[in-house]
Amino acid sequence: MLSRLLLALTTRRPRAWELVETGLNGLAADLAREGWQVRFAGPRWDFVWTREWQTPHACRILVLPDPGQGGPCPLGEPER
């Protein structure tokens, strides 16, 4: 229970424009149809949730690095 609270406090929902900008809008829509959600985490917490994957998996959450905090764009740099 504590780990689920920590997951909620250390991740955030991506804004719609961030999904479009990073190219994740299609993936997020596909995951939502399956009952999953995409959330962003800062660099340190992304590392933690990558290692402790059981909690996000049980909550049906895909944790990705936050591109707004210096995390890599998950699908590469968007075309400008």
N, C-alpha and C. Protein backbone atom coordinates (compact mmCIF):
# COMPACT_ATOMS: atom_id res chain seq x y z
N MET A 1 0.82 -1.18 0.00
CA MET A 1 0.00 0.00 0.00
C MET A 1 0.87 1.26 0.00
N LEU A 2 1.93 1.25 0.79
CA LEU A 2 2.83 2.38 0.84
C LEU A 2 3.53 2.59 -0.51
N SER A 3 3.88 1.50 -1.16
CA SER A 3 4.56 1.63 -2.46
C SER A 3 3.62 2.22 -3.51
N ARG A 4 2.33 1.93 -3.45
CA ARG A 4 1.38 2.52 -4.40
C ARG A 4 1.22 4.02 -4.17
N LEU A 5 1.22 4.42 -2.90
CA LEU A 5 1.16 5.84 -2.58
C LEU A 5 2.42 6.55 -3.08
N LEU A 6 3.57 5.93 -2.86
CA LEU A 6 4.83 6.50 -3.33
C LEU A 6 4.84 6.61 -4.85
N LEU A 7 4.30 5.62 -5.54
CA LEU A 7 4.22 5.67 -7.00
C LEU A 7 3.36 6.86 -7.44
N ALA A 8 2.24 7.06 -6.78
CA ALA A 8 1.36 8.18 -7.13
C ALA A 8 2.02 9.53 -6.86
N LEU A 9 2.81 9.61 -5.81
CA LEU A 9 3.44 10.87 -5.45
C LEU A 9 4.70 11.19 -6.26
N THR A 10 5.31 10.19 -6.86
CA THR A 10 6.58 10.41 -7.56
C THR A 10 6.45 10.35 -9.08
N THR A 11 5.24 10.16 -9.57
CA THR A 11 5.00 10.18 -11.01
C THR A 11 3.89 11.17 -11.31
N ARG A 12 3.76 11.50 -12.58
CA ARG A 12 2.68 12.41 -12.97
C ARG A 12 2.11 11.98 -14.31
N ARG A 13 0.87 12.37 -14.52
CA ARG A 13 0.24 12.11 -15.80
C ARG A 13 0.82 13.05 -16.84
N PRO A 14 1.09 12.55 -18.03
CA PRO A 14 1.59 13.45 -19.08
C PRO A 14 0.46 14.33 -19.61
N ARG A 15 0.82 15.52 -19.99
CA ARG A 15 -0.14 16.42 -20.63
C ARG A 15 -0.34 15.96 -22.07
N ALA A 16 -1.49 16.28 -22.64
CA ALA A 16 -1.81 15.82 -24.00
C ALA A 16 -0.76 16.27 -25.01
N TRP A 17 -0.30 17.51 -24.90
CA TRP A 17 0.69 18.01 -25.85
C TRP A 17 2.03 17.30 -25.69
N GLU A 18 2.35 16.84 -24.47
CA GLU A 18 3.61 16.10 -24.27
C GLU A 18 3.55 14.75 -24.97
N LEU A 19 2.39 14.11 -24.94
CA LEU A 19 2.25 12.83 -25.62
C LEU A 19 2.42 13.01 -27.13
N VAL A 20 1.84 14.07 -27.68
CA VAL A 20 1.97 14.33 -29.11
C VAL A 20 3.42 14.67 -29.45
N GLU A 21 4.02 15.54 -28.65
CA GLU A 21 5.39 15.99 -28.91
C GLU A 21 6.39 14.84 -28.85
N THR A 22 6.18 13.90 -27.94
CA THR A 22 7.12 12.77 -27.80
C THR A 22 6.74 11.58 -28.67
N GLY A 23 5.60 11.67 -29.34
CA GLY A 23 5.18 10.57 -30.21
C GLY A 23 4.53 9.42 -29.46
N LEU A 24 4.12 9.66 -28.23
CA LEU A 24 3.54 8.60 -27.40
C LEU A 24 2.01 8.57 -27.42
N ASN A 25 1.39 9.48 -28.17
CA ASN A 25 -0.07 9.55 -28.14
C ASN A 25 -0.73 8.26 -28.62
N GLY A 26 -0.21 7.63 -29.64
CA GLY A 26 -0.76 6.37 -30.13
C GLY A 26 -0.57 5.25 -29.12
N LEU A 27 0.62 5.17 -28.54
CA LEU A 27 0.90 4.15 -27.54
C LEU A 27 0.02 4.33 -26.32
N ALA A 28 -0.13 5.57 -25.86
CA ALA A 28 -0.96 5.85 -24.68
C ALA A 28 -2.41 5.47 -24.94
N ALA A 29 -2.90 5.73 -26.15
CA ALA A 29 -4.29 5.38 -26.49
C ALA A 29 -4.46 3.86 -26.51
N ASP A 30 -3.49 3.15 -27.08
CA ASP A 30 -3.55 1.69 -27.10
C ASP A 30 -3.52 1.11 -25.68
N LEU A 31 -2.64 1.65 -24.86
CA LEU A 31 -2.55 1.18 -23.47
C LEU A 31 -3.82 1.48 -22.69
N ALA A 32 -4.42 2.64 -22.93
CA ALA A 32 -5.66 3.01 -22.22
C ALA A 32 -6.79 2.04 -22.56
N ARG A 33 -6.84 1.58 -23.80
CA ARG A 33 -7.86 0.60 -24.18
C ARG A 33 -7.69 -0.71 -23.43
N GLU A 34 -6.45 -1.01 -23.04
CA GLU A 34 -6.16 -2.24 -22.31
C GLU A 34 -6.21 -2.04 -20.80
N GLY A 35 -6.51 -0.81 -20.35
CA GLY A 35 -6.60 -0.54 -18.91
C GLY A 35 -5.32 -0.06 -18.27
N TRP A 36 -4.31 0.27 -19.07
CA TRP A 36 -3.04 0.76 -18.56
C TRP A 36 -2.99 2.27 -18.70
N GLN A 37 -2.07 2.91 -18.00
CA GLN A 37 -1.83 4.33 -18.17
C GLN A 37 -0.35 4.62 -18.21
N VAL A 38 -0.01 5.71 -18.89
CA VAL A 38 1.38 6.17 -18.99
C VAL A 38 1.57 7.28 -17.97
N ARG A 39 2.67 7.22 -17.22
CA ARG A 39 3.01 8.28 -16.27
C ARG A 39 4.49 8.58 -16.43
N PHE A 40 4.85 9.84 -16.17
CA PHE A 40 6.23 10.28 -16.24
C PHE A 40 6.81 10.39 -14.84
N ALA A 41 8.10 10.09 -14.72
CA ALA A 41 8.82 10.23 -13.45
C ALA A 41 10.13 10.95 -13.72
N GLY A 42 10.58 11.72 -12.74
CA GLY A 42 11.87 12.39 -12.85
C GLY A 42 12.99 11.37 -12.92
N PRO A 43 14.20 11.82 -13.23
CA PRO A 43 15.32 10.90 -13.45
C PRO A 43 15.58 9.92 -12.30
N ARG A 44 15.59 10.39 -11.08
CA ARG A 44 15.87 9.48 -9.96
C ARG A 44 14.74 8.48 -9.76
N TRP A 45 13.51 8.97 -9.81
CA TRP A 45 12.38 8.07 -9.59
C TRP A 45 12.16 7.13 -10.76
N ASP A 46 12.49 7.57 -11.96
CA ASP A 46 12.41 6.65 -13.10
C ASP A 46 13.34 5.47 -12.88
N PHE A 47 14.53 5.76 -12.36
CA PHE A 47 15.49 4.70 -12.06
C PHE A 47 14.94 3.74 -11.00
N VAL A 48 14.32 4.30 -9.96
CA VAL A 48 13.74 3.47 -8.90
C VAL A 48 12.65 2.57 -9.46
N TRP A 49 11.73 3.13 -10.24
CA TRP A 49 10.60 2.34 -10.74
C TRP A 49 11.02 1.37 -11.84
N THR A 50 12.15 1.63 -12.48
CA THR A 50 12.68 0.65 -13.43
C THR A 50 13.17 -0.59 -12.69
N ARG A 51 13.78 -0.37 -11.53
CA ARG A 51 14.29 -1.48 -10.72
C ARG A 51 13.16 -2.17 -9.94
N GLU A 52 12.24 -1.40 -9.42
CA GLU A 52 11.12 -1.93 -8.63
C GLU A 52 9.86 -1.93 -9.50
N TRP A 53 9.87 -2.73 -10.53
CA TRP A 53 8.81 -2.71 -11.53
C TRP A 53 7.51 -3.38 -11.08
N GLN A 54 7.54 -4.14 -9.99
CA GLN A 54 6.36 -4.88 -9.57
C GLN A 54 5.18 -3.98 -9.21
N THR A 55 5.44 -2.88 -8.54
CA THR A 55 4.35 -1.99 -8.13
C THR A 55 3.68 -1.33 -9.34
N PRO A 56 4.44 -0.70 -10.25
CA PRO A 56 3.75 -0.14 -11.42
C PRO A 56 3.02 -1.20 -12.23
N HIS A 57 3.61 -2.37 -12.34
CA HIS A 57 2.97 -3.44 -13.11
C HIS A 57 1.65 -3.85 -12.45
N ALA A 58 1.64 -3.98 -11.14
CA ALA A 58 0.40 -4.34 -10.43
C ALA A 58 -0.66 -3.25 -10.56
N CYS A 59 -0.22 -2.00 -10.67
CA CYS A 59 -1.16 -0.87 -10.83
C CYS A 59 -1.49 -0.60 -12.30
N ARG A 60 -0.90 -1.38 -13.19
CA ARG A 60 -1.10 -1.22 -14.63
C ARG A 60 -0.68 0.17 -15.10
N ILE A 61 0.54 0.54 -14.71
CA ILE A 61 1.12 1.84 -15.06
C ILE A 61 2.46 1.62 -15.75
N LEU A 62 2.64 2.30 -16.88
CA LEU A 62 3.92 2.30 -17.58
C LEU A 62 4.64 3.59 -17.20
N VAL A 63 5.75 3.48 -16.47
CA VAL A 63 6.51 4.65 -16.02
C VAL A 63 7.63 4.92 -17.02
N LEU A 64 7.65 6.15 -17.52
CA LEU A 64 8.67 6.58 -18.48
C LEU A 64 9.41 7.79 -17.94
N PRO A 65 10.64 8.03 -18.42
CA PRO A 65 11.38 9.21 -17.98
C PRO A 65 10.66 10.48 -18.43
N ASP A 66 10.63 11.47 -17.57
CA ASP A 66 9.97 12.73 -17.87
C ASP A 66 10.83 13.55 -18.82
N PRO A 67 10.38 13.77 -20.06
CA PRO A 67 11.20 14.54 -21.00
C PRO A 67 11.36 15.99 -20.58
N GLY A 68 10.46 16.51 -19.75
CA GLY A 68 10.56 17.88 -19.27
C GLY A 68 11.61 18.07 -18.20
N GLN A 69 12.12 16.97 -17.64
CA GLN A 69 13.15 17.05 -16.60
C GLN A 69 14.47 16.48 -17.10
N GLY A 70 14.67 16.55 -18.37
CA GLY A 70 15.94 16.09 -18.93
C GLY A 70 15.95 14.62 -19.29
N GLY A 71 14.81 13.94 -19.15
CA GLY A 71 14.74 12.55 -19.56
C GLY A 71 14.74 12.45 -21.07
N PRO A 72 15.22 11.35 -21.60
CA PRO A 72 15.26 11.21 -23.05
C PRO A 72 13.84 11.10 -23.61
N CYS A 73 13.66 11.59 -24.81
CA CYS A 73 12.38 11.43 -25.48
C CYS A 73 12.23 9.93 -25.76
N PRO A 74 11.18 9.27 -25.28
CA PRO A 74 11.08 7.81 -25.38
C PRO A 74 11.20 7.26 -26.80
N LEU A 75 10.73 7.98 -27.79
CA LEU A 75 10.79 7.48 -29.17
C LEU A 75 11.75 8.28 -30.01
N GLY A 76 12.74 8.90 -29.39
CA GLY A 76 13.70 9.71 -30.12
C GLY A 76 13.21 11.15 -30.20
N GLU A 77 14.01 12.00 -30.76
CA GLU A 77 13.65 13.41 -30.88
C GLU A 77 12.54 13.58 -31.91
N PRO A 78 11.49 14.34 -31.57
CA PRO A 78 10.43 14.58 -32.55
C PRO A 78 10.94 15.47 -33.68
N GLU A 79 10.38 15.27 -34.85
CA GLU A 79 10.77 16.08 -36.00
C GLU A 79 10.23 17.48 -35.83
N ARG A 80 11.01 18.46 -36.22
CA ARG A 80 10.60 19.87 -36.12
C ARG A 80 10.33 20.43 -37.47
